[in-house]
Amino acid sequence: MLAVAEPDVVRALTVHAIGAPPQVFWRIDVQPLTITELSGRNGRWNLRSGRPLGGGSH
């Protein structure tokens, strides 16, 4: 699934997925035009964040 979302939505999903306390919300920095990936199974999530949109190497 792909979603284009505001940074606050990405923060909220990240906090929920990793089981962090709500206070962590404002400590997560979401860079513009980057990809945040959540993947997992059996109730365990993995997070990859900050990859530039487009993904090409320079």
PDB file of N, CA and C in Angstrom:
ATOM      1  N   MET A   1       0.840  -1.152   0.000  1.00  0.00           N
ATOM      2  CA  MET A   1       0.000   0.000   0.000  1.00  0.00           C
ATOM      3  C   MET A   1       0.898   1.231   0.000  1.00  0.00           C
ATOM      4  N   LEU A   2       0.505   2.227  -0.695  1.00  0.00           N
ATOM      5  CA  LEU A   2       1.227   3.488  -0.753  1.00  0.00           C
ATOM      6  C   LEU A   2       0.306   4.595  -0.294  1.00  0.00           C
ATOM      7  N   ALA A   3       0.818   5.492   0.538  1.00  0.00           N
ATOM      8  CA  ALA A   3       0.045   6.649   0.982  1.00  0.00           C
ATOM      9  C   ALA A   3       0.937   7.872   0.948  1.00  0.00           C
ATOM     10  N   VAL A   4       0.410   8.951   0.449  1.00  0.00           N
ATOM     11  CA  VAL A   4       1.096  10.241   0.509  1.00  0.00           C
ATOM     12  C   VAL A   4       0.490  10.951   1.706  1.00  0.00           C
ATOM     13  N   ALA A   5       1.333  11.301   2.682  1.00  0.00           N
ATOM     14  CA  ALA A   5       0.796  11.793   3.947  1.00  0.00           C
ATOM     15  C   ALA A   5       1.598  12.966   4.495  1.00  0.00           C
ATOM     16  N   GLU A   6       0.928  13.745   5.319  1.00  0.00           N
ATOM     17  CA  GLU A   6       1.562  14.848   6.042  1.00  0.00           C
ATOM     18  C   GLU A   6       2.509  14.271   7.101  1.00  0.00           C
ATOM     19  N   PRO A   7       3.533  15.028   7.493  1.00  0.00           N
ATOM     20  CA  PRO A   7       4.476  14.541   8.503  1.00  0.00           C
ATOM     21  C   PRO A   7       3.807  14.090   9.807  1.00  0.00           C
ATOM     22  N   ASP A   8       2.747  14.770  10.242  1.00  0.00           N
ATOM     23  CA  ASP A   8       2.071  14.372  11.488  1.00  0.00           C
ATOM     24  C   ASP A   8       1.474  12.971  11.381  1.00  0.00           C
ATOM     25  N   VAL A   9       0.971  12.615  10.213  1.00  0.00           N
ATOM     26  CA  VAL A   9       0.412  11.276  10.009  1.00  0.00           C
ATOM     27  C   VAL A   9       1.525  10.236  10.067  1.00  0.00           C
ATOM     28  N   VAL A  10       2.654  10.538   9.446  1.00  0.00           N
ATOM     29  CA  VAL A  10       3.798   9.616   9.461  1.00  0.00           C
ATOM     30  C   VAL A  10       4.286   9.444  10.895  1.00  0.00           C
ATOM     31  N   ARG A  11       4.366  10.524  11.647  1.00  0.00           N
ATOM     32  CA  ARG A  11       4.788  10.432  13.053  1.00  0.00           C
ATOM     33  C   ARG A  11       3.837   9.546  13.853  1.00  0.00           C
ATOM     34  N   ALA A  12       2.542   9.772  13.696  1.00  0.00           N
ATOM     35  CA  ALA A  12       1.548   9.005  14.458  1.00  0.00           C
ATOM     36  C   ALA A  12       1.630   7.519  14.122  1.00  0.00           C
ATOM     37  N   LEU A  13       1.741   7.189  12.847  1.00  0.00           N
ATOM     38  CA  LEU A  13       1.855   5.786  12.449  1.00  0.00           C
ATOM     39  C   LEU A  13       3.129   5.155  12.991  1.00  0.00           C
ATOM     40  N   THR A  14       4.211   5.910  12.964  1.00  0.00           N
ATOM     41  CA  THR A  14       5.483   5.403  13.465  1.00  0.00           C
ATOM     42  C   THR A  14       5.410   5.129  14.960  1.00  0.00           C
ATOM     43  N   VAL A  15       4.873   6.078  15.724  1.00  0.00           N
ATOM     44  CA  VAL A  15       4.737   5.904  17.172  1.00  0.00           C
ATOM     45  C   VAL A  15       3.904   4.658  17.475  1.00  0.00           C
ATOM     46  N   HIS A  16       2.801   4.516  16.784  1.00  0.00           N
ATOM     47  CA  HIS A  16       1.930   3.357  17.010  1.00  0.00           C
ATOM     48  C   HIS A  16       2.631   2.045  16.627  1.00  0.00           C
ATOM     49  N   ALA A  17       3.254   2.022  15.464  1.00  0.00           N
ATOM     50  CA  ALA A  17       3.866   0.791  14.959  1.00  0.00           C
ATOM     51  C   ALA A  17       4.996   0.288  15.851  1.00  0.00           C
ATOM     52  N   ILE A  18       5.799   1.195  16.382  1.00  0.00           N
ATOM     53  CA  ILE A  18       6.927   0.747  17.196  1.00  0.00           C
ATOM     54  C   ILE A  18       6.578   0.665  18.685  1.00  0.00           C
ATOM     55  N   GLY A  19       5.326   1.001  19.014  1.00  0.00           N
ATOM     56  CA  GLY A  19       4.879   0.878  20.398  1.00  0.00           C
ATOM     57  C   GLY A  19       5.499   1.889  21.334  1.00  0.00           C
ATOM     58  N   ALA A  20       5.853   3.047  20.798  1.00  0.00           N
ATOM     59  CA  ALA A  20       6.473   4.093  21.615  1.00  0.00           C
ATOM     60  C   ALA A  20       5.395   4.874  22.376  1.00  0.00           C
ATOM     61  N   PRO A  21       5.762   5.490  23.496  1.00  0.00           N
ATOM     62  CA  PRO A  21       4.794   6.318  24.223  1.00  0.00           C
ATOM     63  C   PRO A  21       4.456   7.569  23.409  1.00  0.00           C
ATOM     64  N   PRO A  22       3.264   8.129  23.614  1.00  0.00           N
ATOM     65  CA  PRO A  22       2.830   9.293  22.831  1.00  0.00           C
ATOM     66  C   PRO A  22       3.788  10.488  22.877  1.00  0.00           C
ATOM     67  N   GLN A  23       4.536  10.636  23.974  1.00  0.00           N
ATOM     68  CA  GLN A  23       5.462  11.778  24.098  1.00  0.00           C
ATOM     69  C   GLN A  23       6.532  11.778  23.013  1.00  0.00           C
ATOM     70  N   VAL A  24       6.785  10.635  22.399  1.00  0.00           N
ATOM     71  CA  VAL A  24       7.818  10.501  21.368  1.00  0.00           C
ATOM     72  C   VAL A  24       7.403  11.192  20.069  1.00  0.00           C
ATOM     73  N   PHE A  25       6.101  11.415  19.882  1.00  0.00           N
ATOM     74  CA  PHE A  25       5.567  11.994  18.645  1.00  0.00           C
ATOM     75  C   PHE A  25       6.379  13.189  18.152  1.00  0.00           C
ATOM     76  N   TRP A  26       6.639  14.157  19.014  1.00  0.00           N
ATOM     77  CA  TRP A  26       7.322  15.382  18.598  1.00  0.00           C
ATOM     78  C   TRP A  26       8.830  15.217  18.467  1.00  0.00           C
ATOM     79  N   ARG A  27       9.365  14.068  18.835  1.00  0.00           N
ATOM     80  CA  ARG A  27      10.805  13.829  18.713  1.00  0.00           C
ATOM     81  C   ARG A  27      11.169  13.125  17.423  1.00  0.00           C
ATOM     82  N   ILE A  28      10.153  12.798  16.616  1.00  0.00           N
ATOM     83  CA  ILE A  28      10.394  12.144  15.328  1.00  0.00           C
ATOM     84  C   ILE A  28      10.438  13.212  14.250  1.00  0.00           C
ATOM     85  N   ASP A  29      11.542  13.295  13.549  1.00  0.00           N
ATOM     86  CA  ASP A  29      11.720  14.286  12.490  1.00  0.00           C
ATOM     87  C   ASP A  29      11.458  13.621  11.141  1.00  0.00           C
ATOM     88  N   VAL A  30      10.455  14.093  10.445  1.00  0.00           N
ATOM     89  CA  VAL A  30      10.101  13.552   9.131  1.00  0.00           C
ATOM     90  C   VAL A  30      10.530  14.567   8.071  1.00  0.00           C
ATOM     91  N   GLN A  31      11.522  14.199   7.297  1.00  0.00           N
ATOM     92  CA  GLN A  31      12.034  15.076   6.250  1.00  0.00           C
ATOM     93  C   GLN A  31      11.060  15.125   5.069  1.00  0.00           C
ATOM     94  N   PRO A  32      10.911  16.298   4.439  1.00  0.00           N
ATOM     95  CA  PRO A  32      10.042  16.409   3.264  1.00  0.00           C
ATOM     96  C   PRO A  32      10.543  15.537   2.117  1.00  0.00           C
ATOM     97  N   LEU A  33       9.622  15.041   1.339  1.00  0.00           N
ATOM     98  CA  LEU A  33       9.910  14.265   0.127  1.00  0.00           C
ATOM     99  C   LEU A  33      10.817  13.063   0.379  1.00  0.00           C
ATOM    100  N   THR A  34      10.566  12.378   1.496  1.00  0.00           N
ATOM    101  CA  THR A  34      11.278  11.139   1.787  1.00  0.00           C
ATOM    102  C   THR A  34      10.260  10.012   1.973  1.00  0.00           C
ATOM    103  N   ILE A  35      10.760   8.799   1.954  1.00  0.00           N
ATOM    104  CA  ILE A  35       9.910   7.628   2.080  1.00  0.00           C
ATOM    105  C   ILE A  35      10.095   7.022   3.467  1.00  0.00           C
ATOM    106  N   THR A  36       8.984   6.728   4.104  1.00  0.00           N
ATOM    107  CA  THR A  36       8.986   5.984   5.359  1.00  0.00           C
ATOM    108  C   THR A  36       8.265   4.679   5.086  1.00  0.00           C
ATOM    109  N   GLU A  37       8.935   3.571   5.334  1.00  0.00           N
ATOM    110  CA  GLU A  37       8.352   2.255   5.064  1.00  0.00           C
ATOM    111  C   GLU A  37       8.095   1.521   6.371  1.00  0.00           C
ATOM    112  N   LEU A  38       6.892   0.988   6.494  1.00  0.00           N
ATOM    113  CA  LEU A  38       6.540   0.107   7.599  1.00  0.00           C
ATOM    114  C   LEU A  38       6.217  -1.251   6.989  1.00  0.00           C
ATOM    115  N   SER A  39       6.898  -2.268   7.449  1.00  0.00           N
ATOM    116  CA  SER A  39       6.615  -3.617   6.970  1.00  0.00           C
ATOM    117  C   SER A  39       6.667  -4.554   8.161  1.00  0.00           C
ATOM    118  N   GLY A  40       6.012  -5.667   8.041  1.00  0.00           N
ATOM    119  CA  GLY A  40       6.073  -6.606   9.140  1.00  0.00           C
ATOM    120  C   GLY A  40       5.032  -7.686   9.026  1.00  0.00           C
ATOM    121  N   ARG A  41       5.031  -8.534  10.034  1.00  0.00           N
ATOM    122  CA  ARG A  41       4.048  -9.614  10.119  1.00  0.00           C
ATOM    123  C   ARG A  41       3.959 -10.082  11.562  1.00  0.00           C
ATOM    124  N   ASN A  42       2.893 -10.794  11.832  1.00  0.00           N
ATOM    125  CA  ASN A  42       2.652 -11.346  13.170  1.00  0.00           C
ATOM    126  C   ASN A  42       2.718 -10.288  14.270  1.00  0.00           C
ATOM    127  N   GLY A  43       2.235  -9.078  13.972  1.00  0.00           N
ATOM    128  CA  GLY A  43       2.201  -8.029  14.985  1.00  0.00           C
ATOM    129  C   GLY A  43       3.517  -7.337  15.259  1.00  0.00           C
ATOM    130  N   ARG A  44       4.550  -7.662  14.499  1.00  0.00           N
ATOM    131  CA  ARG A  44       5.852  -7.005  14.687  1.00  0.00           C
ATOM    132  C   ARG A  44       6.144  -6.148  13.472  1.00  0.00           C
ATOM    133  N   TRP A  45       6.403  -4.867  13.692  1.00  0.00           N
ATOM    134  CA  TRP A  45       6.649  -3.921  12.610  1.00  0.00           C
ATOM    135  C   TRP A  45       8.123  -3.600  12.506  1.00  0.00           C
ATOM    136  N   ASN A  46       8.566  -3.355  11.282  1.00  0.00           N
ATOM    137  CA  ASN A  46       9.927  -2.877  10.998  1.00  0.00           C
ATOM    138  C   ASN A  46       9.787  -1.511  10.343  1.00  0.00           C
ATOM    139  N   LEU A  47      10.696  -0.627  10.651  1.00  0.00           N
ATOM    140  CA  LEU A  47      10.639   0.751  10.165  1.00  0.00           C
ATOM    141  C   LEU A  47      11.892   1.085   9.377  1.00  0.00           C
ATOM    142  N   ARG A  48      11.703   1.670   8.205  1.00  0.00           N
ATOM    143  CA  ARG A  48      12.803   2.231   7.420  1.00  0.00           C
ATOM    144  C   ARG A  48      12.363   3.643   7.058  1.00  0.00           C
ATOM    145  N   SER A  49      13.179   4.620   7.393  1.00  0.00           N
ATOM    146  CA  SER A  49      12.763   6.009   7.214  1.00  0.00           C
ATOM    147  C   SER A  49      13.875   6.851   6.609  1.00  0.00           C
ATOM    148  N   GLY A  50      13.469   7.875   5.861  1.00  0.00           N
ATOM    149  CA  GLY A  50      14.407   8.880   5.380  1.00  0.00           C
ATOM    150  C   GLY A  50      14.982   8.659   4.001  1.00  0.00           C
ATOM    151  N   ARG A  51      14.574   7.593   3.301  1.00  0.00           N
ATOM    152  CA  ARG A  51      15.086   7.375   1.949  1.00  0.00           C
ATOM    153  C   ARG A  51      14.518   8.446   1.037  1.00  0.00           C
ATOM    154  N   PRO A  52      15.339   9.102   0.223  1.00  0.00           N
ATOM    155  CA  PRO A  52      14.836  10.157  -0.671  1.00  0.00           C
ATOM    156  C   PRO A  52      13.799   9.629  -1.657  1.00  0.00           C
ATOM    157  N   LEU A  53      12.819  10.426  -1.928  1.00  0.00           N
ATOM    158  CA  LEU A  53      11.808  10.101  -2.924  1.00  0.00           C
ATOM    159  C   LEU A  53      12.493   9.956  -4.267  1.00  0.00           C
ATOM    160  N   GLY A  54      12.202   8.920  -5.002  1.00  0.00           N
ATOM    161  CA  GLY A  54      12.863   8.663  -6.274  1.00  0.00           C
ATOM    162  C   GLY A  54      13.878   7.553  -6.160  1.00  0.00           C
ATOM    163  N   GLY A  55      14.548   7.443  -5.016  1.00  0.00           N
ATOM    164  CA  GLY A  55      15.420   6.322  -4.716  1.00  0.00           C
ATOM    165  C   GLY A  55      16.655   6.149  -5.574  1.00  0.00           C
ATOM    166  N   GLY A  56      16.935   7.043  -6.502  1.00  0.00           N
ATOM    167  CA  GLY A  56      18.116   6.892  -7.341  1.00  0.00           C
ATOM    168  C   GLY A  56      19.395   7.160  -6.579  1.00  0.00           C
ATOM    169  N   SER A  57      20.480   6.534  -6.974  1.00  0.00           N
ATOM    170  CA  SER A  57      21.768   6.793  -6.325  1.00  0.00           C
ATOM    171  C   SER A  57      22.501   7.890  -7.088  1.00  0.00           C
ATOM    172  N   HIS A  58      23.302   8.649  -6.377  1.00  0.00           N
ATOM    173  CA  HIS A  58      24.033   9.783  -6.983  1.00  0.00           C
ATOM    174  C   HIS A  58      25.505   9.507  -6.995  1.00  0.00           C
TER     175      HIS A  58
END
